[in-house]
C-alpha cells in the first residue's frame, strides 16, 4: 500500500473510531456506577420564650388608696404594731422553664417608715382558693425574707443576680408568695405621716 493510500485509510477510519470512543464513554457514564444515598431531613431550630404573669390584675398588694382596690391590703392608716398580709400567684406562661427570683425594682420612703416596716416573704403552694387577696390554702415551702426591714430588703435585692428565691418554675406551672408586713411596735413618733413605696418584681431566666 502506498503512503498516500495509507493516509486516506487513516482519515476514513479516524471519525468512526472517535464515534465508537464517545459512545463507550456515554455507556460507561450511564451504566458503569452503582450508588446509594441517605439523608437526615429538613433540620430546623426555634428559640423558646420566657413569660411570667401574676394574678394581681394590675392592683398593688398593699395600697394607701382612699378606696382600697379589690384584693389589696389597706395601708392608708397604719400605726405601730399593725400587720398586713397578702398573697400573689406567679405563673410561667412561656415555653422554657427556669429559675424565678424576686427583687425590689424601685423603692422610696419618707419619714423613715421603710426603716420601721418589716417584711416577711414566704414561697409555697396553694389551692384553688389561694390567689391575689386571699391566702386561704397557702402552704409555706420556703421563707425567702424573714422579718427584714423594707429598706434593707430593697437595698440587698435590687436585680435578678442578687434576688431571693431561684427555684425552677416549670412551663405552665404556678408558685405562690405570701407577704407579711408589720410596722415596728416601737416606731418613733417621727414616723407619723411617713410613706414607703416598693415595686416587687419577679424574673425568670432560662
Protein backbone atom coordinates (compact mmCIF):
# COMPACT_ATOMS: atom_id res chain seq x y z
CA UNK A 1 0.00 0.00 0.00
CA UNK A 2 1.36 3.36 -0.97
CA UNK A 3 1.89 6.10 1.57
CA UNK A 4 -0.91 8.16 0.02
CA UNK A 5 -3.37 5.26 0.21
CA UNK A 6 -2.41 4.61 3.88
CA UNK A 7 -3.11 8.24 4.77
CA UNK A 8 -6.52 8.06 3.12
CA UNK A 9 -7.37 4.88 5.05
CA UNK A 10 -6.40 6.51 8.37
CA UNK A 11 -8.51 9.58 7.58
CA UNK A 12 -11.52 7.36 6.84
CA UNK A 13 -11.17 5.23 9.98
CA UNK A 14 -10.50 8.12 12.45
CA UNK A 15 -14.07 9.52 12.56
CA UNK A 16 -15.51 6.06 13.10
CA UNK A 17 -13.06 5.36 15.91
CA UNK A 18 -13.93 8.70 17.51
CA UNK A 19 -17.64 7.92 17.46
CA UNK A 20 -17.03 4.50 18.98
CA UNK A 21 -14.92 6.04 21.78
CA UNK A 22 -17.57 8.69 22.53
CA UNK A 23 -20.28 6.03 22.66
CA UNK A 24 -18.21 3.95 25.04
CA UNK A 25 -17.79 6.94 27.37
CA UNK A 26 -21.53 7.60 27.34
CA UNK A 27 -22.26 3.95 28.09
CA UNK A 28 -19.76 3.94 30.95
CA UNK A 29 -21.19 7.18 32.37
CA UNK A 30 -24.72 5.84 32.24
CA UNK A 31 -24.25 2.27 33.39
CA UNK A 32 -20.85 1.77 34.97
CA UNK A 33 -21.56 3.03 38.59
CA UNK A 34 -23.81 1.75 41.41
CA UNK A 35 -24.84 4.39 44.00
CA UNK A 36 -26.69 4.80 47.31
CA UNK A 37 -27.60 7.85 49.41
CA UNK A 38 -29.03 8.62 52.83
CA UNK A 39 -30.32 11.93 54.22
CA UNK A 40 -31.38 13.40 57.55
CA UNK A 41 -34.48 15.53 56.78
CA UNK A 42 -35.12 19.27 56.92
CA UNK A 43 -33.47 20.27 60.18
CA UNK A 44 -34.73 23.46 61.81
CA UNK A 45 -34.40 25.37 65.06
CA UNK A 46 -36.68 27.70 67.02
CA UNK A 47 -35.87 29.81 70.07
CA UNK A 48 -38.05 29.35 73.14
CA UNK A 49 -39.70 32.16 75.05
CA UNK A 50 -39.94 33.22 78.67
CA UNK A 51 -43.09 34.79 80.09
CA UNK A 52 -44.23 35.41 83.65
CA UNK A 53 -47.62 36.63 84.78
CA UNK A 54 -49.24 37.18 88.13
CA UNK A 55 -52.85 37.36 89.25
CA UNK A 56 -52.87 40.88 90.72
CA UNK A 57 -54.96 42.34 87.84
CA UNK A 58 -52.71 45.43 87.87
CA UNK A 59 -53.51 46.13 91.52
CA UNK A 60 -50.86 46.62 94.23
CA UNK A 61 -50.80 44.10 97.07
CA UNK A 62 -50.70 46.95 99.58
CA UNK A 63 -52.38 50.28 98.90
CA UNK A 64 -52.93 53.65 100.54
CA UNK A 65 -55.79 54.44 98.16
CA UNK A 66 -58.78 56.04 99.90
CA UNK A 67 -60.94 53.39 98.24
CA UNK A 68 -58.89 50.21 98.54
CA UNK A 69 -58.82 48.24 95.23
CA UNK A 70 -60.28 44.75 95.38
CA UNK A 71 -57.71 42.35 96.79
CA UNK A 72 -55.28 44.99 98.05
CA UNK A 73 -54.50 45.37 101.73
CA UNK A 74 -55.41 48.77 103.15
CA UNK A 75 -52.31 50.56 104.44
CA UNK A 76 -53.56 54.16 104.48
CA UNK A 77 -53.67 54.49 108.28
CA UNK A 78 -51.01 52.27 109.81
CA UNK A 79 -49.90 52.56 113.40
CA UNK A 80 -47.09 50.85 115.35
CA UNK A 81 -47.65 47.10 115.54
CA UNK A 82 -50.07 46.91 112.59
CA UNK A 83 -49.69 43.90 110.26
CA UNK A 84 -50.93 43.43 106.71
CA UNK A 85 -50.82 40.12 104.80
CA UNK A 86 -51.43 39.34 101.14
CA UNK A 87 -50.72 36.55 98.66
CA UNK A 88 -49.94 36.50 94.95
CA UNK A 89 -49.64 33.76 92.35
CA UNK A 90 -46.90 33.80 89.69
CA UNK A 91 -47.22 31.61 86.59
CA UNK A 92 -44.77 30.58 83.86
CA UNK A 93 -46.61 31.13 80.57
CA UNK A 94 -43.55 30.76 78.35
CA UNK A 95 -42.08 27.74 76.61
CA UNK A 96 -38.95 27.46 78.77
CA UNK A 97 -38.53 26.50 82.40
CA UNK A 98 -36.09 28.41 84.56
CA UNK A 99 -35.29 29.84 87.99
CA UNK A 100 -37.52 32.63 89.27
CA UNK A 101 -36.19 35.32 91.59
CA UNK A 102 -37.87 38.15 93.46
CA UNK A 103 -36.32 41.57 93.92
CA UNK A 104 -37.31 45.20 94.52
CA UNK A 105 -37.28 47.17 91.29
CA UNK A 106 -37.95 50.63 92.76
CA UNK A 107 -38.07 51.85 96.35
CA UNK A 108 -38.54 55.12 98.21
CA UNK A 109 -39.58 56.24 101.70
CA UNK A 110 -40.32 59.33 103.73
CA UNK A 111 -40.05 59.87 107.49
CA UNK A 112 -38.17 56.53 107.78
CA UNK A 113 -41.32 54.43 107.53
CA UNK A 114 -39.47 51.84 105.41
CA UNK A 115 -36.84 51.58 108.13
CA UNK A 116 -39.62 50.72 110.57
CA UNK A 117 -41.60 48.35 108.36
CA UNK A 118 -40.57 44.68 108.40
CA UNK A 119 -41.25 42.33 105.51
CA UNK A 120 -41.51 38.55 105.51
CA UNK A 121 -41.83 36.76 102.18
CA UNK A 122 -42.73 33.08 102.01
CA UNK A 123 -42.90 30.95 98.88
CA UNK A 124 -45.17 27.94 98.73
CA UNK A 125 -48.06 26.07 97.24
CA UNK A 126 -51.73 26.92 97.06
CA UNK A 127 -55.16 25.60 96.30
CA UNK A 128 -57.97 26.86 94.13
CA UNK A 129 -58.78 29.33 96.90
CA UNK A 130 -55.26 30.74 97.03
CA UNK A 131 -54.99 33.86 94.90
CA UNK A 132 -54.32 37.56 94.99
CA UNK A 133 -56.09 38.97 98.01
CA UNK A 134 -56.58 35.58 99.68
CA UNK A 135 -54.02 33.37 101.40
CA UNK A 136 -56.55 30.60 102.09
CA UNK A 137 -54.89 27.27 101.40
CA UNK A 138 -51.35 28.66 101.23
CA UNK A 139 -48.62 26.28 102.44
CA UNK A 140 -45.13 27.60 103.10
CA UNK A 141 -42.27 25.67 101.50
CA UNK A 142 -39.51 28.30 101.86
CA UNK A 143 -39.05 31.57 103.71
CA UNK A 144 -37.23 33.94 101.37
CA UNK A 145 -37.21 37.05 103.56
CA UNK A 146 -37.58 36.83 107.33
CA UNK A 147 -38.74 39.99 109.15
CA UNK A 148 -36.29 42.23 107.29
CA UNK A 149 -36.91 45.96 107.07
CA UNK A 150 -38.25 47.07 103.72
CA UNK A 151 -35.25 49.39 103.36
CA UNK A 152 -32.78 46.55 103.93
CA UNK A 153 -34.64 44.18 101.65
CA UNK A 154 -34.73 46.73 98.82
CA UNK A 155 -31.06 47.59 99.27
CA UNK A 156 -29.85 44.00 99.21
CA UNK A 157 -32.13 42.66 96.48
CA UNK A 158 -32.39 45.00 93.51
CA UNK A 159 -31.54 42.79 90.50
CA UNK A 160 -32.01 39.21 89.33
CA UNK A 161 -28.46 38.30 90.34
CA UNK A 162 -29.00 39.21 93.99
CA UNK A 163 -32.73 38.50 94.19
CA UNK A 164 -34.25 35.96 96.56
CA UNK A 165 -35.56 32.57 95.56
CA UNK A 166 -34.23 30.83 92.50
CA UNK A 167 -36.19 27.59 92.35
CA UNK A 168 -37.04 26.47 88.82
CA UNK A 169 -40.58 27.02 87.60
CA UNK A 170 -41.82 24.53 85.01
CA UNK A 171 -43.68 25.59 81.88
CA UNK A 172 -47.34 26.16 82.76
CA UNK A 173 -46.69 25.88 86.49
CA UNK A 174 -47.52 28.41 89.21
CA UNK A 175 -45.92 29.30 92.52
CA UNK A 176 -47.37 31.33 95.38
CA UNK A 177 -45.92 34.02 97.64
CA UNK A 178 -47.23 35.30 100.97
CA UNK A 179 -46.14 38.78 102.04
CA UNK A 180 -46.44 39.87 105.66
CA UNK A 181 -45.61 43.48 106.55
CA UNK A 182 -45.55 44.85 110.09
CA UNK A 183 -44.94 48.32 111.43
CA UNK A 184 -42.36 48.32 114.22
CA UNK A 185 -44.22 48.39 117.52
CA UNK A 186 -41.53 50.72 118.85
CA UNK A 187 -41.52 53.05 115.82
CA UNK A 188 -40.61 56.60 116.88
CA UNK A 189 -43.13 59.42 116.78
CA UNK A 190 -41.30 60.91 113.80
CA UNK A 191 -42.63 58.11 111.58
CA UNK A 192 -46.11 59.66 111.69
CA UNK A 193 -47.28 60.57 108.21
CA UNK A 194 -44.41 58.63 106.63
CA UNK A 195 -44.73 56.71 103.37
CA UNK A 196 -42.96 53.82 101.71
CA UNK A 197 -43.23 52.68 98.10
CA UNK A 198 -41.77 49.50 96.62
CA UNK A 199 -42.25 47.68 93.33
CA UNK A 200 -41.75 43.94 93.70
CA UNK A 201 -40.53 42.21 90.58
CA UNK A 202 -40.27 38.55 89.64
CA UNK A 203 -37.93 37.48 86.87
CA UNK A 204 -37.40 34.17 85.14
CA UNK A 205 -34.20 33.46 83.22
CA UNK A 206 -33.57 30.47 81.02
